[in-house]
Amino acid sequence: MMHTPSPTIAAIATAPGRGGVGVIRLSGRDLLPLAQALSGGKTPTPRLALYTDFVGADGQAIDNGLMLYFAAPASFTGEDVLELQGHGGPVVMQMLLQRCLQLGARLAEPGEFTKRAFLNNKLDLAQAESVADLIDASSQTAARMAVRSLKGAFSQHIHTLVNELITLRMLVEATLDFPEEDIDFLEAADAAGKLAALRRDLAQLLAQAGQGALLREGMHVVLVGAPNVGKSSLLNALAGEDVAIVTDIAGTTRDTVREQITLEGVPVHITDTAGLRHSDDVVEQIGMDRSRQAVQQADVALLLIDPQHGLNEQTRNILDSLPGGLKVIEIHNKIDLSAQSPSRTAAPAAQACYAGAAEVIALSAKTGAGLELLRQALLEQIGWQGESEGLFLARRRHLAALEAAQTELAYAADTGSAIELLAEHLRLAQGHLNEITGEFNADDLLGVIFSRFCIGK
């Protein structure tokens, strides 16, 4: 039995369960001896598939398949990388993985392959995160945007801003270093104009990143209302299938029911809540507590009202319990019973508005009339502007860094003649932008990010 250096890591890179093909990935230094031990003495040619038996310590074949060898630095991680493509049975994969461990590898931690790619400058941090986003993409649009981020679209925008900041900082530092010079470096170089342009570019990038964050994280919608107003029927209509039980009995829904749909590529997480009312039933009380928690986490609330009953006491109590900043769309359901046409009206002009909501939509969850009006209203409520060629996937972390940089640039614009303060705010703004691509030392943040990856990525 031979040993390769301790940094070598190994993992099953394919999903758990049975499959036609299973892949084991290894990364480390000088993997050729390990490859020869696995293949019974054969030496793989870099980037050329080798069909071979994978042999155990006793020389007997564990499996057979393809061996791919990528020599450093021309690999995903920047190290030697070995991929074993065999039959996708769980037992066979585990036997082959154990053989790799016998030869000196250790089990990879979640995200460790991509972390090594980042540490070896094969990817920046934004690109590394997009690997996980591509795997987790819940729509075709999100997958396309994740690929753009992986190929560096987002990072390129950040690098452009950083370069503009560096140019501006150089001018400021020149003024600080040579105060006796007759030439006013900042005025001659139009530093104020450069700062204004930088702020405009950052604001545009922040808007794009906000759209990208919507694609990645989606929005959370909660259905609230008195019992038996049609919340479960509306959930089923939006989902296109019967995911919630619907009866004429009040209190049928005793727990929160969650479903995800996609609107123009944006994931929408919908939660149907138990009708909020007074009840002595312990189980129903637990369901209503969970409903209140769902309301607290929502981006938009759909408040269902039966027009026949209007704003009754139960609905008024629900309305009073909603968080102050929560966006509310008032839904008048069951228009099929009154032969009313579907409609969408801004609340100030909607005389039928009971809840003081942003707008009122009349629809029928039973027939589907008016559902398209609701879908468009939801997208508008979260500010979705549609897919564009320049869009990329982004995370909340990216938005926070961009917003922090925007704040520093605003402070910089207000410093007046205090050049030292201007220099400091520009430095801080650049630091926030560098956090996005990972041009900083923060092992704790890296650990959090990569720990959320899949094993084998």
Protein backbone atom coordinates (compact mmCIF):
# COMPACT_ATOMS: atom_id res chain seq x y z
CA MET A 1 0.00 0.00 0.00
CA MET A 2 1.38 3.38 -0.97
CA HIS A 3 0.66 6.87 0.32
CA THR A 4 0.22 10.09 -1.56
CA PRO A 5 0.67 13.45 0.18
CA SER A 6 -1.90 14.26 2.87
CA PRO A 7 -3.58 17.15 1.02
CA THR A 8 -5.10 14.68 -1.47
CA ILE A 9 -8.89 14.65 -1.14
CA ALA A 10 -11.47 12.28 -2.60
CA ALA A 11 -15.26 12.23 -2.84
CA ILE A 12 -18.12 10.69 -4.76
CA ALA A 13 -19.13 13.54 -7.06
CA THR A 14 -22.39 12.08 -8.37
CA ALA A 15 -25.69 12.20 -6.52
CA PRO A 16 -26.53 9.51 -3.94
CA GLY A 17 -28.40 6.43 -5.14
CA ARG A 18 -28.25 4.13 -8.15
CA GLY A 19 -27.25 5.39 -11.59
CA GLY A 20 -25.77 4.27 -14.87
CA VAL A 21 -22.50 6.10 -14.14
CA GLY A 22 -20.84 7.11 -10.90
CA VAL A 23 -17.91 9.53 -10.57
CA ILE A 24 -15.23 9.76 -7.91
CA ARG A 25 -13.06 12.86 -7.93
CA LEU A 26 -9.62 13.29 -6.37
CA SER A 27 -7.45 16.39 -6.09
CA GLY A 28 -3.94 16.80 -4.69
CA ARG A 29 -0.24 16.85 -5.53
CA ASP A 30 1.47 14.22 -7.69
CA LEU A 31 -1.48 11.89 -8.30
CA LEU A 32 0.18 9.76 -10.97
CA PRO A 33 1.42 7.10 -8.48
CA LEU A 34 -2.08 6.84 -7.05
CA ALA A 35 -3.54 6.58 -10.57
CA GLN A 36 -1.09 3.78 -11.39
CA ALA A 37 -2.03 1.90 -8.23
CA LEU A 38 -5.74 2.17 -9.05
CA SER A 39 -5.30 1.08 -12.67
CA GLY A 40 -2.98 -1.84 -12.03
CA GLY A 41 0.17 -0.08 -13.20
CA LYS A 42 -1.14 1.90 -16.18
CA THR A 43 -0.09 5.53 -16.58
CA PRO A 44 -2.86 7.83 -17.77
CA THR A 45 -2.12 10.52 -20.33
CA PRO A 46 -3.25 13.98 -19.23
CA ARG A 47 -6.69 14.93 -20.60
CA LEU A 48 -7.10 11.59 -22.41
CA ALA A 49 -9.61 9.00 -21.20
CA LEU A 50 -8.10 5.67 -20.16
CA TYR A 51 -10.37 2.61 -20.12
CA THR A 52 -9.17 0.38 -17.31
CA ASP A 53 -10.03 -1.85 -14.39
CA PHE A 54 -9.99 -0.19 -10.99
CA VAL A 55 -8.16 -2.68 -8.78
CA GLY A 56 -8.05 -3.23 -5.04
CA ALA A 57 -5.06 -3.91 -2.78
CA ASP A 58 -5.26 -7.62 -3.67
CA GLY A 59 -5.06 -6.87 -7.40
CA GLN A 60 -8.66 -7.89 -8.01
CA ALA A 61 -10.92 -5.61 -10.04
CA ILE A 62 -13.37 -3.52 -8.01
CA ASP A 63 -14.95 -2.05 -11.14
CA ASN A 64 -13.98 -0.94 -14.62
CA GLY A 65 -14.53 2.31 -16.42
CA LEU A 66 -12.79 5.50 -17.50
CA MET A 67 -9.92 7.26 -15.73
CA LEU A 68 -9.31 10.94 -16.53
CA TYR A 69 -6.15 12.68 -15.36
CA PHE A 70 -5.69 16.45 -15.36
CA ALA A 71 -2.19 17.59 -14.52
CA ALA A 72 -1.67 20.75 -12.48
CA PRO A 73 -2.20 23.58 -13.07
CA ALA A 74 -4.53 22.80 -16.01
CA SER A 75 -7.38 21.48 -13.88
CA PHE A 76 -10.47 22.70 -12.03
CA THR A 77 -8.67 22.99 -8.69
CA GLY A 78 -5.26 23.97 -10.04
CA GLU A 79 -3.84 20.75 -8.57
CA ASP A 80 -3.57 17.29 -10.09
CA VAL A 81 -7.12 16.04 -10.53
CA LEU A 82 -8.19 12.44 -11.11
CA GLU A 83 -11.70 11.38 -12.06
CA LEU A 84 -12.86 7.78 -11.96
CA GLN A 85 -16.00 7.10 -13.97
CA GLY A 86 -17.43 3.71 -13.11
CA HIS A 87 -20.79 2.04 -12.67
CA GLY A 88 -23.14 4.03 -10.50
CA GLY A 89 -24.09 1.46 -7.89
CA PRO A 90 -23.79 2.75 -4.29
CA VAL A 91 -21.84 -0.33 -3.11
CA VAL A 92 -19.37 -0.17 -5.99
CA MET A 93 -18.84 3.57 -5.47
CA GLN A 94 -18.18 3.07 -1.76
CA MET A 95 -15.72 0.25 -2.44
CA LEU A 96 -13.83 2.39 -4.94
CA LEU A 97 -13.83 5.38 -2.57
CA GLN A 98 -12.45 3.22 0.23
CA ARG A 99 -9.65 2.12 -2.09
CA CYS A 100 -8.77 5.77 -2.71
CA LEU A 101 -8.64 6.35 1.04
CA GLN A 102 -6.39 3.31 1.47
CA LEU A 103 -3.98 4.92 -1.01
CA GLY A 104 -3.63 8.01 1.15
CA ALA A 105 -6.50 10.31 0.23
CA ARG A 106 -8.91 11.67 2.80
CA LEU A 107 -12.60 12.43 2.44
CA ALA A 108 -13.25 15.87 1.02
CA GLU A 109 -15.20 18.39 3.02
CA PRO A 110 -18.26 20.07 1.48
CA GLY A 111 -17.16 22.52 -1.18
CA GLU A 112 -13.47 21.72 -0.76
CA PHE A 113 -12.78 21.15 -4.46
CA THR A 114 -14.19 24.57 -5.35
CA LYS A 115 -12.44 26.12 -2.35
CA ARG A 116 -9.12 24.84 -3.67
CA ALA A 117 -9.96 26.28 -7.09
CA PHE A 118 -10.49 29.65 -5.40
CA LEU A 119 -7.34 29.43 -3.28
CA ASN A 120 -5.32 28.49 -6.37
CA ASN A 121 -6.69 31.47 -8.33
CA LYS A 122 -8.68 29.37 -10.78
CA LEU A 123 -11.89 31.13 -9.74
CA ASP A 124 -12.64 34.24 -7.74
CA LEU A 125 -15.11 34.05 -4.87
CA ALA A 126 -18.13 35.24 -6.86
CA GLN A 127 -17.43 32.62 -9.53
CA ALA A 128 -16.93 29.94 -6.89
CA GLU A 129 -20.31 30.72 -5.34
CA SER A 130 -21.94 30.51 -8.77
CA VAL A 131 -20.89 26.84 -8.96
CA ALA A 132 -23.26 26.07 -6.08
CA ASP A 133 -25.88 28.42 -7.55
CA LEU A 134 -25.78 26.56 -10.86
CA ILE A 135 -26.31 23.24 -9.10
CA ASP A 136 -29.18 24.67 -7.02
CA ALA A 137 -30.83 26.61 -9.86
CA SER A 138 -34.60 26.17 -9.70
CA SER A 139 -35.39 27.49 -13.18
CA GLN A 140 -33.82 27.67 -16.61
CA THR A 141 -33.42 31.42 -16.25
CA ALA A 142 -31.58 31.04 -12.95
CA ALA A 143 -29.32 28.39 -14.49
CA ARG A 144 -28.42 30.68 -17.41
CA MET A 145 -27.65 33.54 -15.04
CA ALA A 146 -25.52 31.28 -12.83
CA VAL A 147 -23.47 30.27 -15.88
CA ARG A 148 -22.90 33.95 -16.67
CA SER A 149 -21.65 34.51 -13.14
CA LEU A 150 -19.45 31.42 -13.38
CA LYS A 151 -17.93 32.73 -16.60
CA GLY A 152 -17.10 35.99 -14.84
CA ALA A 153 -19.84 38.44 -15.91
CA PHE A 154 -20.43 39.70 -12.36
CA SER A 155 -16.74 39.68 -11.47
CA GLN A 156 -15.90 41.72 -14.56
CA HIS A 157 -18.29 44.46 -13.41
CA ILE A 158 -16.67 44.46 -9.97
CA HIS A 159 -13.15 44.61 -11.41
CA THR A 160 -14.16 47.56 -13.61
CA LEU A 161 -15.45 49.47 -10.58
CA VAL A 162 -12.37 48.61 -8.57
CA ASN A 163 -10.10 49.87 -11.34
CA GLU A 164 -12.05 53.14 -11.46
CA LEU A 165 -11.69 53.41 -7.69
CA ILE A 166 -7.97 52.76 -7.85
CA THR A 167 -7.55 55.52 -10.43
CA LEU A 168 -9.46 57.95 -8.22
CA ARG A 169 -7.53 56.90 -5.13
CA MET A 170 -4.24 57.49 -6.94
CA LEU A 171 -5.28 61.07 -7.65
CA VAL A 172 -6.29 61.63 -4.05
CA GLU A 173 -3.10 60.09 -2.70
CA ALA A 174 -1.05 62.28 -5.06
CA THR A 175 -2.71 65.36 -3.59
CA LEU A 176 -1.94 64.14 -0.07
CA ASP A 177 1.68 63.26 -0.89
CA PHE A 178 2.52 66.49 -2.72
CA PRO A 179 0.56 69.29 -1.03
CA GLU A 180 3.16 71.87 -1.97
CA GLU A 181 2.63 71.39 -5.70
CA ASP A 182 0.94 74.25 -7.56
CA ILE A 183 -1.18 71.85 -9.59
CA ASP A 184 -4.41 70.79 -8.00
CA PHE A 185 -4.39 67.14 -9.02
CA LEU A 186 -8.03 66.54 -8.15
CA GLU A 187 -9.45 69.49 -10.03
CA ALA A 188 -7.23 69.02 -13.05
CA ALA A 189 -8.16 65.36 -13.33
CA ASP A 190 -11.88 66.00 -12.77
CA ALA A 191 -11.95 63.84 -9.65
CA ALA A 192 -15.47 65.04 -8.81
CA GLY A 193 -16.69 63.92 -12.22
CA LYS A 194 -14.96 60.56 -11.87
CA LEU A 195 -16.56 60.05 -8.46
CA ALA A 196 -20.02 60.93 -9.82
CA ALA A 197 -19.56 58.50 -12.72
CA LEU A 198 -18.38 55.81 -10.32
CA ARG A 199 -21.47 56.28 -8.17
CA ARG A 200 -23.72 55.98 -11.23
CA ASP A 201 -21.99 52.79 -12.36
CA LEU A 202 -22.27 51.32 -8.87
CA ALA A 203 -25.97 52.19 -8.65
CA GLN A 204 -26.58 50.45 -11.99
CA LEU A 205 -24.66 47.37 -10.88
CA LEU A 206 -26.58 47.27 -7.60
CA ALA A 207 -29.87 47.31 -9.51
CA GLN A 208 -28.68 44.42 -11.70
CA ALA A 209 -27.48 42.49 -8.67
CA GLY A 210 -30.86 43.01 -7.02
CA GLN A 211 -32.54 41.38 -10.01
CA GLY A 212 -30.03 38.55 -9.84
CA ALA A 213 -30.75 38.03 -6.16
CA LEU A 214 -34.45 37.70 -6.95
CA LEU A 215 -33.63 34.99 -9.47
CA ARG A 216 -31.55 33.10 -6.95
CA GLU A 217 -33.64 33.45 -3.81
CA GLY A 218 -37.08 34.19 -5.22
CA MET A 219 -39.83 35.72 -3.17
CA HIS A 220 -41.92 34.41 -0.32
CA VAL A 221 -45.68 34.79 -0.62
CA VAL A 222 -48.11 33.95 2.16
CA LEU A 223 -51.85 33.37 1.76
CA VAL A 224 -53.83 34.74 4.69
CA GLY A 225 -57.48 35.21 5.41
CA ALA A 226 -60.42 33.96 7.39
CA PRO A 227 -61.30 30.27 7.19
CA ASN A 228 -63.01 29.05 4.04
CA VAL A 229 -62.23 32.05 1.81
CA GLY A 230 -60.39 29.91 -0.75
CA LYS A 231 -56.73 30.09 0.28
CA SER A 232 -56.07 26.41 -0.42
CA SER A 233 -57.96 26.62 -3.71
CA LEU A 234 -55.79 29.55 -4.77
CA LEU A 235 -52.62 27.67 -3.82
CA ASN A 236 -53.74 24.68 -5.90
CA ALA A 237 -54.58 26.96 -8.84
CA LEU A 238 -51.20 28.67 -8.78
CA ALA A 239 -49.35 25.37 -8.36
CA GLY A 240 -51.33 23.68 -11.12
CA GLU A 241 -52.04 20.64 -8.95
CA ASP A 242 -53.89 19.66 -5.78
CA VAL A 243 -51.22 20.24 -3.15
CA ALA A 244 -53.68 21.29 -0.43
CA ILE A 245 -56.92 19.70 0.71
CA VAL A 246 -60.00 21.75 -0.17
CA THR A 247 -63.39 21.31 1.56
CA ASP A 248 -66.26 23.54 2.61
CA ILE A 249 -65.41 22.84 6.26
CA ALA A 250 -63.74 25.76 8.01
CA GLY A 251 -60.37 24.87 9.49
CA THR A 252 -59.51 22.13 6.97
CA THR A 253 -55.99 23.51 6.68
CA ARG A 254 -54.51 22.99 10.15
CA ASP A 255 -50.86 23.51 9.26
CA THR A 256 -48.85 25.56 6.79
CA VAL A 257 -48.60 24.06 3.30
CA ARG A 258 -45.65 25.17 1.15
CA GLU A 259 -45.24 24.99 -2.60
CA GLN A 260 -42.78 26.50 -5.07
CA ILE A 261 -43.76 27.77 -8.49
CA THR A 262 -41.83 29.71 -11.11
CA LEU A 263 -42.96 33.00 -12.64
CA GLU A 264 -40.86 34.14 -15.63
CA GLY A 265 -37.92 32.25 -14.17
CA VAL A 266 -38.31 33.71 -10.68
CA PRO A 267 -38.91 31.10 -7.95
CA VAL A 268 -41.93 31.93 -5.83
CA HIS A 269 -42.31 30.17 -2.48
CA ILE A 270 -46.01 30.15 -1.56
CA THR A 271 -47.26 29.27 1.90
CA ASP A 272 -50.90 28.47 2.54
CA THR A 273 -51.71 29.20 6.17
CA ALA A 274 -54.29 27.89 8.55
CA GLY A 275 -57.24 30.25 8.82
CA LEU A 276 -56.47 32.63 11.68
CA ARG A 277 -59.32 32.55 14.18
CA HIS A 278 -60.04 31.69 17.80
CA SER A 279 -59.94 27.96 18.41
CA ASP A 280 -59.73 25.69 21.44
CA ASP A 281 -58.27 22.90 19.30
CA VAL A 282 -54.62 22.44 20.35
CA VAL A 283 -53.55 21.14 16.94
CA GLU A 284 -55.24 24.02 15.14
CA GLN A 285 -53.60 26.50 17.53
CA ILE A 286 -50.16 25.11 16.63
CA GLY A 287 -51.00 25.47 12.94
CA MET A 288 -52.02 29.10 13.46
CA ASP A 289 -48.76 29.81 15.33
CA ARG A 290 -46.85 28.49 12.34
CA SER A 291 -49.00 30.63 10.08
CA ARG A 292 -48.01 33.75 12.02
CA GLN A 293 -44.33 32.80 11.68
CA ALA A 294 -44.77 32.42 7.91
CA VAL A 295 -46.32 35.88 7.73
CA GLN A 296 -43.30 37.38 9.50
CA GLN A 297 -40.94 35.89 6.89
CA ALA A 298 -43.00 36.81 3.81
CA ASP A 299 -42.25 39.42 1.14
CA VAL A 300 -45.87 39.69 -0.03
CA ALA A 301 -49.14 38.72 1.62
CA LEU A 302 -52.21 37.79 -0.38
CA LEU A 303 -55.16 38.70 1.84
CA LEU A 304 -58.18 36.76 0.62
CA ILE A 305 -61.59 38.24 1.18
CA ASP A 306 -64.96 36.78 0.29
CA PRO A 307 -66.81 39.74 -1.28
CA GLN A 308 -70.08 38.36 0.08
CA HIS A 309 -68.84 38.92 3.64
CA GLY A 310 -66.47 41.84 3.09
CA LEU A 311 -64.16 42.94 5.87
CA ASN A 312 -65.67 40.96 8.71
CA GLU A 313 -64.27 40.84 12.21
CA GLN A 314 -62.03 37.84 11.53
CA THR A 315 -60.47 39.46 8.48
CA ARG A 316 -60.03 42.76 10.31
CA ASN A 317 -58.17 41.00 13.11
CA ILE A 318 -55.89 39.30 10.57
CA LEU A 319 -55.23 42.63 8.87
CA ASP A 320 -54.31 44.26 12.17
CA SER A 321 -51.82 41.47 12.90
CA LEU A 322 -49.83 41.86 9.67
CA PRO A 323 -46.37 43.45 9.96
CA GLY A 324 -46.29 47.13 9.14
CA GLY A 325 -43.89 46.97 6.17
CA LEU A 326 -45.40 43.88 4.54
CA LYS A 327 -46.70 44.35 0.98
CA VAL A 328 -50.34 43.31 0.77
CA ILE A 329 -52.43 42.43 -2.28
CA GLU A 330 -56.13 42.14 -1.58
CA ILE A 331 -57.73 39.18 -3.35
CA HIS A 332 -61.47 39.05 -3.97
CA ASN A 333 -62.01 35.38 -4.67
CA LYS A 334 -65.02 33.41 -5.94
CA ILE A 335 -66.05 35.87 -8.66
CA ASP A 336 -67.49 32.86 -10.51
CA LEU A 337 -70.38 32.90 -8.01
CA SER A 338 -71.37 36.45 -8.95
CA ALA A 339 -70.56 36.35 -12.68
CA GLN A 340 -68.05 39.16 -12.08
CA SER A 341 -65.21 39.71 -14.54
CA PRO A 342 -61.61 39.41 -13.36
CA SER A 343 -59.99 42.76 -12.65
CA ARG A 344 -56.90 44.41 -11.21
CA THR A 345 -57.19 47.87 -9.69
CA ALA A 346 -54.77 50.09 -7.82
CA ALA A 347 -56.07 50.47 -4.28
CA PRO A 348 -56.58 54.28 -4.22
CA ALA A 349 -58.96 53.92 -7.16
CA ALA A 350 -60.54 50.73 -5.90
CA GLN A 351 -63.73 51.55 -4.07
CA ALA A 352 -64.06 47.90 -3.11
CA CYS A 353 -60.74 47.92 -1.24
CA TYR A 354 -61.19 46.76 2.35
CA ALA A 355 -57.63 46.34 3.59
CA GLY A 356 -55.81 49.44 2.43
CA ALA A 357 -53.68 47.15 0.24
CA ALA A 358 -51.48 48.21 -2.67
CA GLU A 359 -54.02 46.86 -5.13
CA VAL A 360 -57.11 44.72 -5.43
CA ILE A 361 -57.46 41.72 -7.73
CA ALA A 362 -60.76 40.01 -8.40
CA LEU A 363 -60.38 36.40 -9.51
CA SER A 364 -61.71 32.89 -9.29
CA ALA A 365 -59.38 30.24 -7.94
CA LYS A 366 -61.92 27.64 -9.04
CA THR A 367 -62.03 28.60 -12.75
CA GLY A 368 -58.60 30.25 -13.03
CA ALA A 369 -60.06 33.55 -14.22
CA GLY A 370 -57.78 36.41 -13.15
CA LEU A 371 -54.79 34.26 -12.18
CA GLU A 372 -52.58 35.88 -14.83
CA LEU A 373 -53.38 39.28 -13.32
CA LEU A 374 -52.17 37.98 -9.97
CA ARG A 375 -48.97 36.56 -11.45
CA GLN A 376 -48.07 39.89 -13.03
CA ALA A 377 -48.90 41.74 -9.82
CA LEU A 378 -46.57 39.52 -7.82
CA LEU A 379 -43.67 40.13 -10.19
CA GLU A 380 -44.26 43.88 -10.11
CA GLN A 381 -44.43 43.93 -6.32
CA ILE A 382 -40.87 42.60 -6.06
CA GLY A 383 -39.58 44.81 -8.86
CA TRP A 384 -38.83 42.09 -11.41
CA GLN A 385 -37.94 43.70 -14.74
CA GLY A 386 -37.49 40.57 -16.81
CA GLU A 387 -34.48 38.65 -18.07
CA SER A 388 -31.83 40.60 -19.94
CA GLU A 389 -28.51 39.72 -21.53
CA GLY A 390 -26.52 41.58 -18.90
CA LEU A 391 -28.13 39.87 -15.93
CA PHE A 392 -26.23 37.59 -13.58
CA LEU A 393 -27.00 35.69 -10.40
CA ALA A 394 -26.19 37.42 -7.10
CA ARG A 395 -26.48 36.72 -3.39
CA ARG A 396 -27.56 38.75 -0.37
CA ARG A 397 -23.89 38.95 0.60
CA HIS A 398 -23.13 40.65 -2.70
CA LEU A 399 -25.97 43.14 -2.24
CA ALA A 400 -24.78 44.01 1.26
CA ALA A 401 -21.24 44.66 0.00
CA LEU A 402 -22.46 46.80 -2.90
CA GLU A 403 -24.72 48.80 -0.59
CA ALA A 404 -21.87 49.35 1.84
CA ALA A 405 -19.64 50.56 -1.00
CA GLN A 406 -22.42 52.85 -2.19
CA THR A 407 -22.68 54.36 1.29
CA GLU A 408 -18.93 55.01 1.43
CA LEU A 409 -18.99 56.72 -1.96
CA ALA A 410 -21.87 58.91 -0.78
CA TYR A 411 -19.78 59.90 2.23
CA ALA A 412 -16.83 60.55 -0.08
CA ALA A 413 -18.92 62.93 -2.17
CA ASP A 414 -19.81 64.93 0.96
CA THR A 415 -16.27 65.35 2.33
CA GLY A 416 -15.67 68.69 0.63
CA SER A 417 -12.07 69.78 1.09
CA ALA A 418 -11.28 67.11 3.70
CA ILE A 419 -8.95 65.12 1.45
CA GLU A 420 -7.95 62.69 4.21
CA LEU A 421 -11.58 61.69 4.74
CA LEU A 422 -12.10 61.36 1.00
CA ALA A 423 -9.15 59.00 0.77
CA GLU A 424 -10.43 56.89 3.67
CA HIS A 425 -13.96 56.54 2.28
CA LEU A 426 -12.59 55.52 -1.11
CA ARG A 427 -10.38 52.92 0.56
CA LEU A 428 -13.32 51.49 2.50
CA ALA A 429 -15.48 51.38 -0.65
CA GLN A 430 -12.79 49.40 -2.47
CA GLY A 431 -12.56 47.01 0.46
CA HIS A 432 -16.30 46.28 0.29
CA LEU A 433 -16.09 45.59 -3.47
CA ASN A 434 -13.09 43.31 -2.94
CA GLU A 435 -15.16 41.24 -0.50
CA ILE A 436 -17.36 40.14 -3.40
CA THR A 437 -14.52 38.61 -5.44
CA GLY A 438 -12.58 37.44 -2.39
CA GLU A 439 -9.54 39.68 -2.62
CA PHE A 440 -9.11 39.72 1.15
CA ASN A 441 -8.14 37.45 4.01
CA ALA A 442 -11.14 36.04 5.83
CA ASP A 443 -10.88 32.33 6.50
CA ASP A 444 -14.00 32.34 8.65
CA LEU A 445 -16.17 33.68 5.81
CA LEU A 446 -14.66 31.22 3.35
CA GLY A 447 -15.45 28.37 5.71
CA VAL A 448 -19.10 29.41 5.94
CA ILE A 449 -19.49 29.81 2.17
CA PHE A 450 -17.87 26.55 1.08
CA SER A 451 -19.42 24.45 3.86
CA ARG A 452 -22.79 24.89 2.10
CA PHE A 453 -21.56 23.17 -1.07
CA CYS A 454 -22.20 19.56 -2.03
CA ILE A 455 -19.67 16.88 -1.17
CA GLY A 456 -17.50 16.39 -4.24
CA LYS A 457 -17.80 20.01 -5.44
